[in-house]
Amino acid sequence: MDQRKVAELMERHGIPGRDAYDLPTSPLRFPDRAQYRMEVSGVERPEVLEAIVDEAQKRNVPVHRMISTVMGATLLTRAELKDFAQIASEAKVEVILTPGPRSAWDTGRQLVTPEGGFSGLRFRGADQLRYVIADILRAVELGFRGFLVLDEGLLWLLSQMRDAGDLPKDVVFKVSIFAGHGNPAGAKVLEALGANTFNPLADLDLPELAAIRKAVRMPLDLHIYLTDSFGGFNRFYEAPEMVRVCSPCYFKLEPGPACVAGPGALYKPWVAGKTLADWGREKVKHAEILHELVQESLPGAALSGWGPADLAVPTP
């Protein structure tokens, strides 16, 4: 089959027929006309959030989004969640909360087998859906408006609930890297299912990312620094081109030995809050370095200021 004809067929359905090797400049922007924002992951407790906000203010580097309670929001008390929401609200930062029950908490063991892992992180049964939705509703009651989602079925159901008024209209859904999407068609499906923002695979090259940008309008969440367990990516010097090609985008800073699995996993309830707070301050320093590198190679690239109006800031 002539691949040129296949490419034309893909284009007919809104999907680029090839990766964007020409690296076209993205015309899209955030509502405030900015091109990029900063995101810090692993904000597991109120004291970690306090430390990151304090460090960002000292360094005069706005941090816009916190990927929080990756260990699961279930493991924070209502009082802790209230404090978390209050701190974020006062700082005008978006919180994307990770709801608690998910497949790694379940009784099934297929996920941890060599072949079963290829099945991906998806919820098993209607009970698991009920558990995670209950955790989300608990957080909504406390004022949170942003949630991490890694299952397309759950994303569809939550979007239906939002459309019907069962969830507040201002709730946003971010699709996790653990969902495993890395092509324009997958990104388009997620957007159609109601995703507001999307974290593609971290090891995609610039033409692959540019092809995704051509297919969707939602912000792309791009790892600049990622844990050793994911490959230890450090893409600081690619950031200027990422801004130009992928705007609007969030830059994700998530260094360390591991996220949630394996030796040294940071996002566990037994990891001390002070350890995570100190590590959070280091991530803010990385954000400052990243901003400097972008401005040196792409002068005038627009970084959002503190608290743009479209953020899903908690409303305690």
C-alpha atoms as a PDB file:
ATOM      1  CA  MET A   1       0.000   0.000   0.000  1.00  0.00           C
ATOM      2  CA  ASP A   2       1.310   3.436  -0.935  1.00  0.00           C
ATOM      3  CA  GLN A   3       2.067   5.141   2.379  1.00  0.00           C
ATOM      4  CA  ARG A   4       1.372   8.526   0.806  1.00  0.00           C
ATOM      5  CA  LYS A   5      -2.229   7.473   0.310  1.00  0.00           C
ATOM      6  CA  VAL A   6      -2.395   6.239   3.893  1.00  0.00           C
ATOM      7  CA  ALA A   7      -1.116   9.627   5.061  1.00  0.00           C
ATOM      8  CA  GLU A   8      -3.796  11.380   3.015  1.00  0.00           C
ATOM      9  CA  LEU A   9      -6.431   9.125   4.560  1.00  0.00           C
ATOM     10  CA  MET A  10      -5.205   9.941   8.087  1.00  0.00           C
ATOM     11  CA  GLU A  11      -5.192  13.657   7.287  1.00  0.00           C
ATOM     12  CA  ARG A  12      -8.787  13.391   6.102  1.00  0.00           C
ATOM     13  CA  HIS A  13      -9.734  12.415   9.658  1.00  0.00           C
ATOM     14  CA  GLY A  14      -7.772  15.150  11.390  1.00  0.00           C
ATOM     15  CA  ILE A  15      -4.653  13.127  12.216  1.00  0.00           C
ATOM     16  CA  PRO A  16      -1.244  14.100  10.792  1.00  0.00           C
ATOM     17  CA  GLY A  17      -0.063  11.557   8.252  1.00  0.00           C
ATOM     18  CA  ARG A  18       3.503  11.739   9.531  1.00  0.00           C
ATOM     19  CA  ASP A  19       5.429  13.162  12.428  1.00  0.00           C
ATOM     20  CA  ALA A  20       6.023  16.898  12.043  1.00  0.00           C
ATOM     21  CA  TYR A  21       9.683  16.889  11.025  1.00  0.00           C
ATOM     22  CA  ASP A  22       9.401  20.516   9.932  1.00  0.00           C
ATOM     23  CA  LEU A  23       8.668  21.464  13.578  1.00  0.00           C
ATOM     24  CA  PRO A  24       6.043  24.113  12.821  1.00  0.00           C
ATOM     25  CA  THR A  25       5.546  26.920  15.314  1.00  0.00           C
ATOM     26  CA  SER A  26       2.385  26.412  17.326  1.00  0.00           C
ATOM     27  CA  PRO A  27      -0.096  29.310  17.041  1.00  0.00           C
ATOM     28  CA  LEU A  28      -1.965  28.196  20.182  1.00  0.00           C
ATOM     29  CA  ARG A  29      -1.710  29.911  23.555  1.00  0.00           C
ATOM     30  CA  PHE A  30      -3.129  29.749  27.059  1.00  0.00           C
ATOM     31  CA  PRO A  31      -6.090  32.077  27.685  1.00  0.00           C
ATOM     32  CA  ASP A  32      -3.668  34.689  29.114  1.00  0.00           C
ATOM     33  CA  ARG A  33      -1.668  34.472  25.828  1.00  0.00           C
ATOM     34  CA  ALA A  34       1.257  32.766  27.558  1.00  0.00           C
ATOM     35  CA  GLN A  35       3.094  29.869  25.915  1.00  0.00           C
ATOM     36  CA  TYR A  36       4.350  27.892  28.893  1.00  0.00           C
ATOM     37  CA  ARG A  37       3.801  27.264  32.576  1.00  0.00           C
ATOM     38  CA  MET A  38       5.523  25.381  35.402  1.00  0.00           C
ATOM     39  CA  GLU A  39       4.275  22.201  37.055  1.00  0.00           C
ATOM     40  CA  VAL A  40       5.704  20.428  40.113  1.00  0.00           C
ATOM     41  CA  SER A  41       4.787  16.825  40.866  1.00  0.00           C
ATOM     42  CA  GLY A  42       4.860  14.907  44.134  1.00  0.00           C
ATOM     43  CA  VAL A  43       3.265  17.570  46.329  1.00  0.00           C
ATOM     44  CA  GLU A  44       2.060  15.024  48.837  1.00  0.00           C
ATOM     45  CA  ARG A  45       1.214  17.019  51.964  1.00  0.00           C
ATOM     46  CA  PRO A  46       0.347  20.580  53.010  1.00  0.00           C
ATOM     47  CA  GLU A  47       3.887  21.250  54.280  1.00  0.00           C
ATOM     48  CA  VAL A  48       5.312  20.312  50.859  1.00  0.00           C
ATOM     49  CA  LEU A  49       2.969  22.760  49.151  1.00  0.00           C
ATOM     50  CA  GLU A  50       3.926  25.484  51.643  1.00  0.00           C
ATOM     51  CA  ALA A  51       7.631  24.927  50.960  1.00  0.00           C
ATOM     52  CA  ILE A  52       7.212  25.066  47.171  1.00  0.00           C
ATOM     53  CA  VAL A  53       5.134  28.247  47.273  1.00  0.00           C
ATOM     54  CA  ASP A  54       7.632  29.864  49.650  1.00  0.00           C
ATOM     55  CA  GLU A  55      10.608  28.929  47.466  1.00  0.00           C
ATOM     56  CA  ALA A  56       8.874  30.079  44.278  1.00  0.00           C
ATOM     57  CA  GLN A  57       8.117  33.461  45.818  1.00  0.00           C
ATOM     58  CA  LYS A  58      11.718  33.824  47.022  1.00  0.00           C
ATOM     59  CA  ARG A  59      13.043  33.034  43.543  1.00  0.00           C
ATOM     60  CA  ASN A  60      10.341  35.079  41.796  1.00  0.00           C
ATOM     61  CA  VAL A  61       9.461  32.112  39.584  1.00  0.00           C
ATOM     62  CA  PRO A  62       5.727  31.423  39.291  1.00  0.00           C
ATOM     63  CA  VAL A  63       4.674  27.817  39.723  1.00  0.00           C
ATOM     64  CA  HIS A  64       1.235  27.233  38.303  1.00  0.00           C
ATOM     65  CA  ARG A  65       0.249  23.641  38.932  1.00  0.00           C
ATOM     66  CA  MET A  66       0.852  21.068  41.654  1.00  0.00           C
ATOM     67  CA  ILE A  67       0.372  17.359  40.939  1.00  0.00           C
ATOM     68  CA  SER A  68      -0.580  16.314  44.431  1.00  0.00           C
ATOM     69  CA  THR A  69      -1.168  13.329  46.693  1.00  0.00           C
ATOM     70  CA  VAL A  70       0.230  10.901  44.131  1.00  0.00           C
ATOM     71  CA  MET A  71       0.179   8.372  46.971  1.00  0.00           C
ATOM     72  CA  GLY A  72      -3.612   8.805  46.918  1.00  0.00           C
ATOM     73  CA  ALA A  73      -5.866  11.498  48.384  1.00  0.00           C
ATOM     74  CA  THR A  74      -7.497   8.788  50.504  1.00  0.00           C
ATOM     75  CA  LEU A  75      -4.410   8.847  52.729  1.00  0.00           C
ATOM     76  CA  LEU A  76      -4.911  12.452  53.835  1.00  0.00           C
ATOM     77  CA  THR A  77      -7.437  13.344  56.499  1.00  0.00           C
ATOM     78  CA  ARG A  78     -10.184  15.826  55.760  1.00  0.00           C
ATOM     79  CA  ALA A  79      -8.338  18.339  57.956  1.00  0.00           C
ATOM     80  CA  GLU A  80      -5.138  17.880  55.931  1.00  0.00           C
ATOM     81  CA  LEU A  81      -7.035  18.240  52.673  1.00  0.00           C
ATOM     82  CA  LYS A  82      -8.711  21.408  53.949  1.00  0.00           C
ATOM     83  CA  ASP A  83      -5.313  22.885  54.840  1.00  0.00           C
ATOM     84  CA  PHE A  84      -4.002  21.867  51.425  1.00  0.00           C
ATOM     85  CA  ALA A  85      -6.907  23.564  49.649  1.00  0.00           C
ATOM     86  CA  GLN A  86      -6.552  26.721  51.734  1.00  0.00           C
ATOM     87  CA  ILE A  87      -2.815  27.085  51.067  1.00  0.00           C
ATOM     88  CA  ALA A  88      -3.311  26.562  47.335  1.00  0.00           C
ATOM     89  CA  SER A  89      -6.221  28.985  47.210  1.00  0.00           C
ATOM     90  CA  GLU A  90      -4.249  31.745  48.915  1.00  0.00           C
ATOM     91  CA  ALA A  91      -1.253  31.149  46.611  1.00  0.00           C
ATOM     92  CA  LYS A  92      -3.500  30.943  43.503  1.00  0.00           C
ATOM     93  CA  VAL A  93      -1.986  27.684  42.293  1.00  0.00           C
ATOM     94  CA  GLU A  94      -3.799  24.865  40.559  1.00  0.00           C
ATOM     95  CA  VAL A  95      -3.972  21.527  42.341  1.00  0.00           C
ATOM     96  CA  ILE A  96      -4.415  18.341  40.327  1.00  0.00           C
ATOM     97  CA  LEU A  97      -5.326  15.834  43.008  1.00  0.00           C
ATOM     98  CA  THR A  98      -4.624  12.140  42.520  1.00  0.00           C
ATOM     99  CA  PRO A  99      -7.615  10.173  43.802  1.00  0.00           C
ATOM    100  CA  GLY A 100      -6.841   7.208  45.990  1.00  0.00           C
ATOM    101  CA  PRO A 101      -8.123   3.771  44.996  1.00  0.00           C
ATOM    102  CA  ARG A 102      -6.689   2.580  41.710  1.00  0.00           C
ATOM    103  CA  SER A 103      -5.532  -0.656  40.149  1.00  0.00           C
ATOM    104  CA  ALA A 104      -2.283  -0.934  42.116  1.00  0.00           C
ATOM    105  CA  TRP A 105      -4.369  -0.953  45.331  1.00  0.00           C
ATOM    106  CA  ASP A 106      -6.659  -3.714  44.105  1.00  0.00           C
ATOM    107  CA  THR A 107      -6.530  -7.453  44.784  1.00  0.00           C
ATOM    108  CA  GLY A 108      -5.739  -8.381  41.181  1.00  0.00           C
ATOM    109  CA  ARG A 109      -2.152  -9.400  40.445  1.00  0.00           C
ATOM    110  CA  GLN A 110      -2.138  -9.465  36.648  1.00  0.00           C
ATOM    111  CA  LEU A 111      -0.771  -5.931  36.593  1.00  0.00           C
ATOM    112  CA  VAL A 112       2.483  -6.946  38.299  1.00  0.00           C
ATOM    113  CA  THR A 113       3.239  -9.935  36.085  1.00  0.00           C
ATOM    114  CA  PRO A 114       5.743  -9.570  33.198  1.00  0.00           C
ATOM    115  CA  GLU A 115       3.044  -9.741  30.533  1.00  0.00           C
ATOM    116  CA  GLY A 116       0.144  -8.414  32.552  1.00  0.00           C
ATOM    117  CA  GLY A 117       1.864  -5.066  32.890  1.00  0.00           C
ATOM    118  CA  PHE A 118       1.230  -4.470  29.185  1.00  0.00           C
ATOM    119  CA  SER A 119      -2.477  -4.253  30.017  1.00  0.00           C
ATOM    120  CA  GLY A 120      -1.920  -0.856  31.558  1.00  0.00           C
ATOM    121  CA  LEU A 121      -3.285   0.834  34.650  1.00  0.00           C
ATOM    122  CA  ARG A 122      -7.036   0.456  34.291  1.00  0.00           C
ATOM    123  CA  PHE A 123      -9.774   0.005  36.884  1.00  0.00           C
ATOM    124  CA  ARG A 124     -11.119  -3.507  37.475  1.00  0.00           C
ATOM    125  CA  GLY A 125     -14.881  -3.722  37.858  1.00  0.00           C
ATOM    126  CA  ALA A 126     -17.631  -1.279  38.754  1.00  0.00           C
ATOM    127  CA  ASP A 127     -16.699  -1.321  42.451  1.00  0.00           C
ATOM    128  CA  GLN A 128     -13.284   0.181  41.693  1.00  0.00           C
ATOM    129  CA  LEU A 129     -14.956   2.932  39.659  1.00  0.00           C
ATOM    130  CA  ARG A 130     -17.285   3.630  42.578  1.00  0.00           C
ATOM    131  CA  TYR A 131     -14.390   3.824  45.030  1.00  0.00           C
ATOM    132  CA  VAL A 132     -12.386   6.309  42.964  1.00  0.00           C
ATOM    133  CA  ILE A 133     -15.426   8.480  42.186  1.00  0.00           C
ATOM    134  CA  ALA A 134     -16.242   8.551  45.895  1.00  0.00           C
ATOM    135  CA  ASP A 135     -12.711   9.780  46.583  1.00  0.00           C
ATOM    136  CA  ILE A 136     -13.084  12.487  43.948  1.00  0.00           C
ATOM    137  CA  LEU A 137     -16.435  13.623  45.371  1.00  0.00           C
ATOM    138  CA  ARG A 138     -14.894  13.752  48.845  1.00  0.00           C
ATOM    139  CA  ALA A 139     -12.223  16.088  47.503  1.00  0.00           C
ATOM    140  CA  VAL A 140     -14.758  18.190  45.579  1.00  0.00           C
ATOM    141  CA  GLU A 141     -16.662  18.765  48.824  1.00  0.00           C
ATOM    142  CA  LEU A 142     -13.445  20.182  50.301  1.00  0.00           C
ATOM    143  CA  GLY A 143     -12.950  22.581  47.385  1.00  0.00           C
ATOM    144  CA  PHE A 144     -10.640  20.774  44.951  1.00  0.00           C
ATOM    145  CA  ARG A 145     -11.311  21.239  41.249  1.00  0.00           C
ATOM    146  CA  GLY A 146      -8.536  19.343  39.419  1.00  0.00           C
ATOM    147  CA  PHE A 147      -8.033  15.570  39.183  1.00  0.00           C
ATOM    148  CA  LEU A 148      -5.543  13.180  37.633  1.00  0.00           C
ATOM    149  CA  VAL A 149      -7.099  10.442  35.482  1.00  0.00           C
ATOM    150  CA  LEU A 150      -5.397   7.407  33.940  1.00  0.00           C
ATOM    151  CA  ASP A 151      -8.344   5.330  32.708  1.00  0.00           C
ATOM    152  CA  GLU A 152     -10.255   6.379  29.583  1.00  0.00           C
ATOM    153  CA  GLY A 153     -13.473   4.784  30.809  1.00  0.00           C
ATOM    154  CA  LEU A 154     -13.293   6.754  34.042  1.00  0.00           C
ATOM    155  CA  LEU A 155     -12.498   9.913  32.056  1.00  0.00           C
ATOM    156  CA  TRP A 156     -15.620   9.416  29.928  1.00  0.00           C
ATOM    157  CA  LEU A 157     -17.799   8.780  32.989  1.00  0.00           C
ATOM    158  CA  LEU A 158     -16.462  11.797  34.892  1.00  0.00           C
ATOM    159  CA  SER A 159     -17.005  14.000  31.829  1.00  0.00           C
ATOM    160  CA  GLN A 160     -20.590  12.756  31.590  1.00  0.00           C
ATOM    161  CA  MET A 161     -21.063  13.613  35.282  1.00  0.00           C
ATOM    162  CA  ARG A 162     -19.595  17.077  34.731  1.00  0.00           C
ATOM    163  CA  ASP A 163     -21.868  17.708  31.754  1.00  0.00           C
ATOM    164  CA  ALA A 164     -24.902  16.571  33.766  1.00  0.00           C
ATOM    165  CA  GLY A 165     -24.063  18.808  36.727  1.00  0.00           C
ATOM    166  CA  ASP A 166     -23.153  15.919  39.040  1.00  0.00           C
ATOM    167  CA  LEU A 167     -19.694  17.458  39.229  1.00  0.00           C
ATOM    168  CA  PRO A 168     -19.003  21.206  39.190  1.00  0.00           C
ATOM    169  CA  LYS A 169     -18.602  22.666  35.717  1.00  0.00           C
ATOM    170  CA  ASP A 170     -15.183  24.089  36.643  1.00  0.00           C
ATOM    171  CA  VAL A 171     -13.659  20.690  37.458  1.00  0.00           C
ATOM    172  CA  VAL A 172     -10.750  19.796  35.151  1.00  0.00           C
ATOM    173  CA  PHE A 173      -9.247  16.429  34.267  1.00  0.00           C
ATOM    174  CA  LYS A 174      -5.588  15.852  33.493  1.00  0.00           C
ATOM    175  CA  VAL A 175      -4.643  12.555  31.832  1.00  0.00           C
ATOM    176  CA  SER A 176      -1.602  10.966  33.436  1.00  0.00           C
ATOM    177  CA  ILE A 177       1.566   9.691  31.784  1.00  0.00           C
ATOM    178  CA  PHE A 178       0.560   6.323  33.234  1.00  0.00           C
ATOM    179  CA  ALA A 179      -2.264   6.167  30.678  1.00  0.00           C
ATOM    180  CA  GLY A 180       0.510   5.546  28.147  1.00  0.00           C
ATOM    181  CA  HIS A 181      -0.582   7.680  25.181  1.00  0.00           C
ATOM    182  CA  GLY A 182       1.985   8.868  22.665  1.00  0.00           C
ATOM    183  CA  ASN A 183       0.400   9.599  19.290  1.00  0.00           C
ATOM    184  CA  PRO A 184      -1.979  12.177  17.735  1.00  0.00           C
ATOM    185  CA  ALA A 185      -4.953   9.804  17.471  1.00  0.00           C
ATOM    186  CA  GLY A 186      -4.719   8.850  21.156  1.00  0.00           C
ATOM    187  CA  ALA A 187      -4.480  12.498  22.138  1.00  0.00           C
ATOM    188  CA  LYS A 188      -7.537  13.305  20.020  1.00  0.00           C
ATOM    189  CA  VAL A 189      -9.511  10.528  21.717  1.00  0.00           C
ATOM    190  CA  LEU A 190      -8.625  11.878  25.156  1.00  0.00           C
ATOM    191  CA  GLU A 191      -9.670  15.397  24.157  1.00  0.00           C
ATOM    192  CA  ALA A 192     -12.960  14.064  22.773  1.00  0.00           C
ATOM    193  CA  LEU A 193     -13.577  12.198  26.040  1.00  0.00           C
ATOM    194  CA  GLY A 194     -13.289  15.414  28.030  1.00  0.00           C
ATOM    195  CA  ALA A 195      -9.624  15.720  28.987  1.00  0.00           C
ATOM    196  CA  ASN A 196      -8.551  19.302  29.709  1.00  0.00           C
ATOM    197  CA  THR A 197      -4.831  18.624  29.636  1.00  0.00           C
ATOM    198  CA  PHE A 198      -2.685  15.643  28.691  1.00  0.00           C
ATOM    199  CA  ASN A 199       0.678  14.152  29.684  1.00  0.00           C
ATOM    200  CA  PRO A 200       2.126  12.225  26.716  1.00  0.00           C
ATOM    201  CA  LEU A 201       4.890   9.678  27.076  1.00  0.00           C
ATOM    202  CA  ALA A 202       8.032  11.403  28.283  1.00  0.00           C
ATOM    203  CA  ASP A 203      10.433  10.040  25.675  1.00  0.00           C
ATOM    204  CA  LEU A 204       8.714  11.348  22.536  1.00  0.00           C
ATOM    205  CA  ASP A 205      10.960  13.365  20.254  1.00  0.00           C
ATOM    206  CA  LEU A 206      10.117  16.836  18.990  1.00  0.00           C
ATOM    207  CA  PRO A 207       8.575  15.772  15.644  1.00  0.00           C
ATOM    208  CA  GLU A 208       6.339  13.298  17.504  1.00  0.00           C
ATOM    209  CA  LEU A 209       5.253  15.977  19.971  1.00  0.00           C
ATOM    210  CA  ALA A 210       4.697  18.444  17.143  1.00  0.00           C
ATOM    211  CA  ALA A 211       2.387  15.951  15.406  1.00  0.00           C
ATOM    212  CA  ILE A 212       0.326  15.635  18.587  1.00  0.00           C
ATOM    213  CA  ARG A 213       0.096  19.418  18.825  1.00  0.00           C
ATOM    214  CA  LYS A 214      -1.286  19.557  15.266  1.00  0.00           C
ATOM    215  CA  ALA A 215      -4.115  17.190  16.275  1.00  0.00           C
ATOM    216  CA  VAL A 216      -5.338  18.763  19.535  1.00  0.00           C
ATOM    217  CA  ARG A 217      -5.802  22.155  21.187  1.00  0.00           C
ATOM    218  CA  MET A 218      -5.515  21.197  24.874  1.00  0.00           C
ATOM    219  CA  PRO A 219      -2.284  21.962  26.746  1.00  0.00           C
ATOM    220  CA  LEU A 220       0.467  19.343  26.591  1.00  0.00           C
ATOM    221  CA  ASP A 221       2.210  18.448  29.846  1.00  0.00           C
ATOM    222  CA  LEU A 222       5.856  17.787  29.019  1.00  0.00           C
ATOM    223  CA  HIS A 223       8.406  16.195  31.304  1.00  0.00           C
ATOM    224  CA  ILE A 224      11.658  18.115  31.363  1.00  0.00           C
ATOM    225  CA  TYR A 225      13.118  16.127  34.230  1.00  0.00           C
ATOM    226  CA  LEU A 226      11.813  12.659  35.148  1.00  0.00           C
ATOM    227  CA  THR A 227      12.721   9.988  37.687  1.00  0.00           C
ATOM    228  CA  ASP A 228      15.362   7.341  37.069  1.00  0.00           C
ATOM    229  CA  SER A 229      12.624   4.694  37.174  1.00  0.00           C
ATOM    230  CA  PHE A 230      11.198   6.239  33.986  1.00  0.00           C
ATOM    231  CA  GLY A 231      14.586   6.617  32.298  1.00  0.00           C
ATOM    232  CA  GLY A 232      16.018   9.645  34.089  1.00  0.00           C
ATOM    233  CA  PHE A 233      15.182  12.103  31.301  1.00  0.00           C
ATOM    234  CA  ASN A 234      16.780  15.520  31.413  1.00  0.00           C
ATOM    235  CA  ARG A 235      15.545  17.662  28.528  1.00  0.00           C
ATOM    236  CA  PHE A 236      16.352  21.171  29.745  1.00  0.00           C
ATOM    237  CA  TYR A 237      18.004  22.273  26.525  1.00  0.00           C
ATOM    238  CA  GLU A 238      15.077  21.068  24.407  1.00  0.00           C
ATOM    239  CA  ALA A 239      12.708  23.334  26.330  1.00  0.00           C
ATOM    240  CA  PRO A 240      12.925  26.393  24.020  1.00  0.00           C
ATOM    241  CA  GLU A 241      11.906  24.322  20.998  1.00  0.00           C
ATOM    242  CA  MET A 242       9.205  22.608  23.056  1.00  0.00           C
ATOM    243  CA  VAL A 243       7.762  26.029  23.838  1.00  0.00           C
ATOM    244  CA  ARG A 244       7.822  27.075  20.205  1.00  0.00           C
ATOM    245  CA  VAL A 245       6.407  23.843  18.810  1.00  0.00           C
ATOM    246  CA  CYS A 246       4.078  22.618  21.588  1.00  0.00           C
ATOM    247  CA  SER A 247       2.575  25.798  23.051  1.00  0.00           C
ATOM    248  CA  PRO A 248       0.541  25.893  25.217  1.00  0.00           C
ATOM    249  CA  CYS A 249       2.472  23.528  27.447  1.00  0.00           C
ATOM    250  CA  TYR A 250       3.206  22.807  31.078  1.00  0.00           C
ATOM    251  CA  PHE A 251       6.774  21.885  31.938  1.00  0.00           C
ATOM    252  CA  LYS A 252       6.882  19.045  34.431  1.00  0.00           C
ATOM    253  CA  LEU A 253       9.693  18.738  36.968  1.00  0.00           C
ATOM    254  CA  GLU A 254       9.821  15.316  38.592  1.00  0.00           C
ATOM    255  CA  PRO A 255      13.402  14.179  39.310  1.00  0.00           C
ATOM    256  CA  GLY A 256      14.372  11.463  41.760  1.00  0.00           C
ATOM    257  CA  PRO A 257      14.898   7.710  42.000  1.00  0.00           C
ATOM    258  CA  ALA A 258      11.263   6.660  41.434  1.00  0.00           C
ATOM    259  CA  CYS A 259       7.697   7.979  41.588  1.00  0.00           C
ATOM    260  CA  VAL A 260       5.359   5.339  43.007  1.00  0.00           C
ATOM    261  CA  ALA A 261       6.996   1.953  42.339  1.00  0.00           C
ATOM    262  CA  GLY A 262      10.337   0.311  43.017  1.00  0.00           C
ATOM    263  CA  PRO A 263      13.231   1.161  45.338  1.00  0.00           C
ATOM    264  CA  GLY A 264      13.382   4.774  46.389  1.00  0.00           C
ATOM    265  CA  ALA A 265       9.794   5.605  45.397  1.00  0.00           C
ATOM    266  CA  LEU A 266       9.140   9.090  46.749  1.00  0.00           C
ATOM    267  CA  TYR A 267       5.354   9.270  46.670  1.00  0.00           C
ATOM    268  CA  LYS A 268       4.651   6.907  49.542  1.00  0.00           C
ATOM    269  CA  PRO A 269       2.923   7.734  52.838  1.00  0.00           C
ATOM    270  CA  TRP A 270       6.000   6.740  54.856  1.00  0.00           C
ATOM    271  CA  VAL A 271       8.324   9.233  53.122  1.00  0.00           C
ATOM    272  CA  ALA A 272       8.819  12.140  55.528  1.00  0.00           C
ATOM    273  CA  GLY A 273       7.084  15.402  54.707  1.00  0.00           C
ATOM    274  CA  LYS A 274      10.311  17.337  55.333  1.00  0.00           C
ATOM    275  CA  THR A 275      12.150  15.211  52.779  1.00  0.00           C
ATOM    276  CA  LEU A 276       9.527  15.955  50.158  1.00  0.00           C
ATOM    277  CA  ALA A 277       9.438  19.643  51.117  1.00  0.00           C
ATOM    278  CA  ASP A 278      13.212  19.968  50.687  1.00  0.00           C
ATOM    279  CA  TRP A 279      12.992  18.140  47.373  1.00  0.00           C
ATOM    280  CA  GLY A 280      10.152  20.450  46.332  1.00  0.00           C
ATOM    281  CA  ARG A 281      12.391  23.478  46.877  1.00  0.00           C
ATOM    282  CA  GLU A 282      14.976  21.870  44.606  1.00  0.00           C
ATOM    283  CA  LYS A 283      12.338  21.463  41.893  1.00  0.00           C
ATOM    284  CA  VAL A 284      11.565  25.177  42.103  1.00  0.00           C
ATOM    285  CA  LYS A 285      15.250  25.891  41.523  1.00  0.00           C
ATOM    286  CA  HIS A 286      15.025  23.706  38.428  1.00  0.00           C
ATOM    287  CA  ALA A 287      12.041  25.777  37.276  1.00  0.00           C
ATOM    288  CA  GLU A 288      14.148  28.917  37.603  1.00  0.00           C
ATOM    289  CA  ILE A 289      16.960  27.356  35.541  1.00  0.00           C
ATOM    290  CA  LEU A 290      14.471  26.172  32.944  1.00  0.00           C
ATOM    291  CA  HIS A 291      12.949  29.624  32.594  1.00  0.00           C
ATOM    292  CA  GLU A 292      16.409  31.163  32.131  1.00  0.00           C
ATOM    293  CA  LEU A 293      17.303  28.659  29.408  1.00  0.00           C
ATOM    294  CA  VAL A 294      14.063  29.277  27.533  1.00  0.00           C
ATOM    295  CA  GLN A 295      14.524  33.037  27.621  1.00  0.00           C
ATOM    296  CA  GLU A 296      18.123  32.812  26.434  1.00  0.00           C
ATOM    297  CA  SER A 297      17.253  30.792  23.310  1.00  0.00           C
ATOM    298  CA  LEU A 298      13.701  31.995  22.687  1.00  0.00           C
ATOM    299  CA  PRO A 299      13.687  35.607  23.870  1.00  0.00           C
ATOM    300  CA  GLY A 300      10.258  36.930  24.658  1.00  0.00           C
ATOM    301  CA  ALA A 301       8.609  33.541  25.070  1.00  0.00           C
ATOM    302  CA  ALA A 302       5.693  34.159  27.415  1.00  0.00           C
ATOM    303  CA  LEU A 303       5.561  32.483  30.807  1.00  0.00           C
ATOM    304  CA  SER A 304       2.281  32.905  32.695  1.00  0.00           C
ATOM    305  CA  GLY A 305       2.444  35.024  35.828  1.00  0.00           C
ATOM    306  CA  TRP A 306       1.116  33.954  39.195  1.00  0.00           C
ATOM    307  CA  GLY A 307      -2.485  32.741  39.314  1.00  0.00           C
ATOM    308  CA  PRO A 308      -3.892  33.086  35.786  1.00  0.00           C
ATOM    309  CA  ALA A 309      -7.678  33.035  35.858  1.00  0.00           C
ATOM    310  CA  ASP A 310      -8.136  29.722  34.048  1.00  0.00           C
ATOM    311  CA  LEU A 311      -6.337  27.615  36.673  1.00  0.00           C
ATOM    312  CA  ALA A 312      -8.320  25.066  38.671  1.00  0.00           C
ATOM    313  CA  VAL A 313      -7.495  26.712  41.986  1.00  0.00           C
ATOM    314  CA  PRO A 314      -9.204  25.102  45.003  1.00  0.00           C
ATOM    315  CA  THR A 315     -12.197  26.937  46.439  1.00  0.00           C
ATOM    316  CA  PRO A 316     -12.289  25.930  50.124  1.00  0.00           C
END
